[in-house]
Amino acid sequence: MPDYTWITVIVIVGGIFFWLTADKVYQSHLNTKEHHPTLFKLTGFNVRYIGDREKWVKHFRIQLVLVVVLFVAVMWMNAVLW
């Protein structure tokens, strides 16, 4: 049975990092929308909420939690079931 502890810790730490820097990520996405509209249309993240910082950050954090929980669940199931 492989040990996935180190990669799980890295994902959780990464999630915490992005949680704490959500405002800077929002500002980066807003700058991309203003300066590179074509690129933003291709890679837009939470496009519906880009005009409202609070909603964008809220939905970014919700998605971040869902991704981390899903990843940890898959790693746990992989470790337990295999």
N, C-alpha and C. Protein backbone atom coordinates (compact mmCIF):
# COMPACT_ATOMS: atom_id res chain seq x y z
N MET A 1 0.85 -1.18 0.00
CA MET A 1 0.00 0.00 0.00
C MET A 1 0.90 1.24 0.00
N PRO A 2 0.77 2.10 -1.02
CA PRO A 2 1.60 3.30 -1.09
C PRO A 2 1.19 4.32 -0.03
N ASP A 3 2.14 5.13 0.35
CA ASP A 3 1.90 6.16 1.35
C ASP A 3 1.69 7.50 0.64
N TYR A 4 0.49 8.05 0.75
CA TYR A 4 0.15 9.30 0.09
C TYR A 4 0.16 10.48 1.06
N THR A 5 0.74 10.31 2.22
CA THR A 5 0.71 11.36 3.24
C THR A 5 1.39 12.63 2.76
N TRP A 6 2.55 12.50 2.16
CA TRP A 6 3.30 13.70 1.76
C TRP A 6 2.56 14.51 0.71
N ILE A 7 1.96 13.86 -0.27
CA ILE A 7 1.25 14.60 -1.31
C ILE A 7 -0.04 15.20 -0.76
N THR A 8 -0.69 14.53 0.18
CA THR A 8 -1.89 15.08 0.82
C THR A 8 -1.55 16.32 1.62
N VAL A 9 -0.44 16.28 2.34
CA VAL A 9 0.00 17.45 3.12
C VAL A 9 0.31 18.61 2.18
N ILE A 10 0.96 18.34 1.06
CA ILE A 10 1.27 19.40 0.10
C ILE A 10 0.00 20.03 -0.44
N VAL A 11 -1.01 19.22 -0.75
CA VAL A 11 -2.28 19.75 -1.27
C VAL A 11 -2.99 20.59 -0.21
N ILE A 12 -3.00 20.13 1.02
CA ILE A 12 -3.65 20.89 2.10
C ILE A 12 -2.93 22.20 2.35
N VAL A 13 -1.61 22.18 2.38
CA VAL A 13 -0.83 23.41 2.56
C VAL A 13 -1.07 24.36 1.38
N GLY A 14 -1.11 23.83 0.17
CA GLY A 14 -1.41 24.65 -1.00
C GLY A 14 -2.79 25.27 -0.91
N GLY A 15 -3.77 24.51 -0.44
CA GLY A 15 -5.12 25.03 -0.25
C GLY A 15 -5.15 26.16 0.76
N ILE A 16 -4.43 26.00 1.85
CA ILE A 16 -4.35 27.06 2.87
C ILE A 16 -3.69 28.31 2.29
N PHE A 17 -2.62 28.09 1.52
CA PHE A 17 -1.93 29.22 0.88
C PHE A 17 -2.88 30.00 -0.03
N PHE A 18 -3.61 29.29 -0.89
CA PHE A 18 -4.53 29.98 -1.80
C PHE A 18 -5.70 30.61 -1.05
N TRP A 19 -6.12 29.99 0.05
CA TRP A 19 -7.18 30.58 0.87
C TRP A 19 -6.73 31.95 1.39
N LEU A 20 -5.50 32.01 1.89
CA LEU A 20 -4.99 33.25 2.47
C LEU A 20 -4.68 34.31 1.42
N THR A 21 -4.39 33.90 0.20
CA THR A 21 -4.02 34.85 -0.85
C THR A 21 -5.14 35.04 -1.87
N ALA A 22 -6.38 34.74 -1.50
CA ALA A 22 -7.51 34.83 -2.44
C ALA A 22 -7.68 36.25 -2.98
N ASP A 23 -7.46 37.27 -2.16
CA ASP A 23 -7.60 38.65 -2.64
C ASP A 23 -6.58 38.98 -3.72
N LYS A 24 -5.37 38.49 -3.56
CA LYS A 24 -4.34 38.74 -4.57
C LYS A 24 -4.64 37.97 -5.86
N VAL A 25 -5.20 36.77 -5.72
CA VAL A 25 -5.59 36.00 -6.90
C VAL A 25 -6.70 36.73 -7.63
N TYR A 26 -7.65 37.28 -6.89
CA TYR A 26 -8.73 38.06 -7.51
C TYR A 26 -8.15 39.25 -8.28
N GLN A 27 -7.25 39.97 -7.65
CA GLN A 27 -6.65 41.15 -8.30
C GLN A 27 -5.91 40.75 -9.56
N SER A 28 -5.24 39.62 -9.53
CA SER A 28 -4.54 39.12 -10.71
C SER A 28 -5.52 38.81 -11.83
N HIS A 29 -6.63 38.18 -11.51
CA HIS A 29 -7.64 37.86 -12.52
C HIS A 29 -8.30 39.13 -13.07
N LEU A 30 -8.51 40.11 -12.20
CA LEU A 30 -9.08 41.38 -12.65
C LEU A 30 -8.12 42.10 -13.59
N ASN A 31 -6.83 42.09 -13.26
CA ASN A 31 -5.83 42.70 -14.15
C ASN A 31 -5.77 41.97 -15.48
N THR A 32 -5.89 40.67 -15.47
CA THR A 32 -5.88 39.90 -16.71
C THR A 32 -7.09 40.28 -17.57
N LYS A 33 -8.25 40.44 -16.93
CA LYS A 33 -9.46 40.83 -17.67
C LYS A 33 -9.27 42.19 -18.32
N GLU A 34 -8.67 43.13 -17.61
CA GLU A 34 -8.50 44.50 -18.11
C GLU A 34 -7.42 44.59 -19.19
N HIS A 35 -6.33 43.88 -19.02
CA HIS A 35 -5.18 44.04 -19.92
C HIS A 35 -5.09 42.98 -21.01
N HIS A 36 -5.70 41.84 -20.81
CA HIS A 36 -5.64 40.74 -21.78
C HIS A 36 -7.02 40.10 -21.91
N PRO A 37 -7.99 40.82 -22.49
CA PRO A 37 -9.36 40.30 -22.52
C PRO A 37 -9.52 38.98 -23.27
N THR A 38 -8.76 38.78 -24.33
CA THR A 38 -8.87 37.53 -25.08
C THR A 38 -8.41 36.35 -24.24
N LEU A 39 -7.28 36.52 -23.55
CA LEU A 39 -6.78 35.47 -22.67
C LEU A 39 -7.77 35.20 -21.54
N PHE A 40 -8.36 36.26 -21.02
CA PHE A 40 -9.32 36.09 -19.93
C PHE A 40 -10.55 35.31 -20.40
N LYS A 41 -11.00 35.55 -21.62
CA LYS A 41 -12.16 34.81 -22.14
C LYS A 41 -11.85 33.33 -22.27
N LEU A 42 -10.60 33.00 -22.61
CA LEU A 42 -10.21 31.60 -22.75
C LEU A 42 -10.04 30.91 -21.41
N THR A 43 -9.49 31.62 -20.45
CA THR A 43 -9.15 31.00 -19.17
C THR A 43 -9.89 31.62 -18.00
N GLY A 44 -10.96 32.36 -18.25
CA GLY A 44 -11.69 33.06 -17.19
C GLY A 44 -12.12 32.14 -16.07
N PHE A 45 -11.88 32.55 -14.88
CA PHE A 45 -12.19 31.77 -13.68
C PHE A 45 -13.19 32.57 -12.86
N ASN A 46 -14.36 32.03 -12.62
CA ASN A 46 -15.43 32.73 -11.91
C ASN A 46 -15.78 34.04 -12.61
N VAL A 47 -15.99 33.95 -13.91
CA VAL A 47 -16.25 35.12 -14.73
C VAL A 47 -17.49 35.87 -14.27
N ARG A 48 -18.49 35.14 -13.82
CA ARG A 48 -19.75 35.79 -13.39
C ARG A 48 -19.52 36.78 -12.26
N TYR A 49 -18.54 36.53 -11.41
CA TYR A 49 -18.38 37.32 -10.20
C TYR A 49 -17.20 38.29 -10.26
N ILE A 50 -16.57 38.46 -11.41
CA ILE A 50 -15.35 39.26 -11.48
C ILE A 50 -15.60 40.72 -11.12
N GLY A 51 -16.83 41.20 -11.26
CA GLY A 51 -17.13 42.58 -10.91
C GLY A 51 -17.32 42.82 -9.42
N ASP A 52 -17.53 41.76 -8.66
CA ASP A 52 -17.77 41.87 -7.22
C ASP A 52 -16.71 41.06 -6.48
N ARG A 53 -15.77 41.76 -5.85
CA ARG A 53 -14.64 41.11 -5.19
C ARG A 53 -15.08 40.12 -4.12
N GLU A 54 -16.03 40.52 -3.29
CA GLU A 54 -16.46 39.66 -2.18
C GLU A 54 -17.07 38.35 -2.67
N LYS A 55 -17.94 38.43 -3.68
CA LYS A 55 -18.55 37.21 -4.23
C LYS A 55 -17.50 36.34 -4.90
N TRP A 56 -16.57 36.97 -5.63
CA TRP A 56 -15.55 36.20 -6.33
C TRP A 56 -14.69 35.43 -5.33
N VAL A 57 -14.24 36.13 -4.28
CA VAL A 57 -13.41 35.49 -3.26
C VAL A 57 -14.18 34.38 -2.56
N LYS A 58 -15.46 34.62 -2.26
CA LYS A 58 -16.29 33.61 -1.60
C LYS A 58 -16.38 32.34 -2.45
N HIS A 59 -16.67 32.50 -3.73
CA HIS A 59 -16.82 31.33 -4.60
C HIS A 59 -15.47 30.67 -4.89
N PHE A 60 -14.42 31.44 -4.95
CA PHE A 60 -13.08 30.88 -5.12
C PHE A 60 -12.74 29.98 -3.93
N ARG A 61 -13.04 30.46 -2.73
CA ARG A 61 -12.74 29.68 -1.53
C ARG A 61 -13.62 28.43 -1.44
N ILE A 62 -14.88 28.54 -1.84
CA ILE A 62 -15.75 27.36 -1.85
C ILE A 62 -15.19 26.31 -2.80
N GLN A 63 -14.80 26.73 -3.99
CA GLN A 63 -14.24 25.80 -4.97
C GLN A 63 -12.93 25.20 -4.47
N LEU A 64 -12.14 26.01 -3.79
CA LEU A 64 -10.87 25.54 -3.23
C LEU A 64 -11.11 24.45 -2.19
N VAL A 65 -12.07 24.65 -1.31
CA VAL A 65 -12.39 23.64 -0.29
C VAL A 65 -12.87 22.36 -0.95
N LEU A 66 -13.75 22.49 -1.95
CA LEU A 66 -14.26 21.30 -2.63
C LEU A 66 -13.14 20.52 -3.32
N VAL A 67 -12.21 21.21 -3.95
CA VAL A 67 -11.11 20.53 -4.63
C VAL A 67 -10.22 19.81 -3.62
N VAL A 68 -9.89 20.47 -2.52
CA VAL A 68 -9.01 19.85 -1.51
C VAL A 68 -9.71 18.65 -0.87
N VAL A 69 -10.98 18.79 -0.52
CA VAL A 69 -11.71 17.68 0.10
C VAL A 69 -11.82 16.51 -0.88
N LEU A 70 -12.13 16.79 -2.13
CA LEU A 70 -12.21 15.74 -3.14
C LEU A 70 -10.87 15.03 -3.30
N PHE A 71 -9.79 15.79 -3.36
CA PHE A 71 -8.47 15.19 -3.50
C PHE A 71 -8.13 14.30 -2.31
N VAL A 72 -8.37 14.80 -1.11
CA VAL A 72 -8.07 14.02 0.09
C VAL A 72 -8.94 12.76 0.13
N ALA A 73 -10.19 12.87 -0.26
CA ALA A 73 -11.08 11.71 -0.27
C ALA A 73 -10.59 10.65 -1.27
N VAL A 74 -10.17 11.10 -2.44
CA VAL A 74 -9.67 10.15 -3.44
C VAL A 74 -8.37 9.50 -2.95
N MET A 75 -7.49 10.27 -2.34
CA MET A 75 -6.23 9.70 -1.82
C MET A 75 -6.54 8.70 -0.71
N TRP A 76 -7.49 9.03 0.17
CA TRP A 76 -7.84 8.12 1.26
C TRP A 76 -8.44 6.83 0.70
N MET A 77 -9.37 6.97 -0.26
CA MET A 77 -9.98 5.76 -0.84
C MET A 77 -8.94 4.92 -1.57
N ASN A 78 -8.02 5.56 -2.24
CA ASN A 78 -6.97 4.84 -2.94
C ASN A 78 -6.08 4.07 -1.95
N ALA A 79 -5.78 4.71 -0.82
CA ALA A 79 -4.93 4.06 0.17
C ALA A 79 -5.66 2.92 0.88
N VAL A 80 -6.94 3.11 1.16
CA VAL A 80 -7.70 2.12 1.93
C VAL A 80 -8.18 0.96 1.05
N LEU A 81 -8.65 1.27 -0.12
CA LEU A 81 -9.27 0.24 -0.96
C LEU A 81 -8.26 -0.57 -1.77
N TRP A 82 -7.09 -0.08 -1.96
CA TRP A 82 -6.11 -0.83 -2.75
C TRP A 82 -5.20 -1.53 -1.80
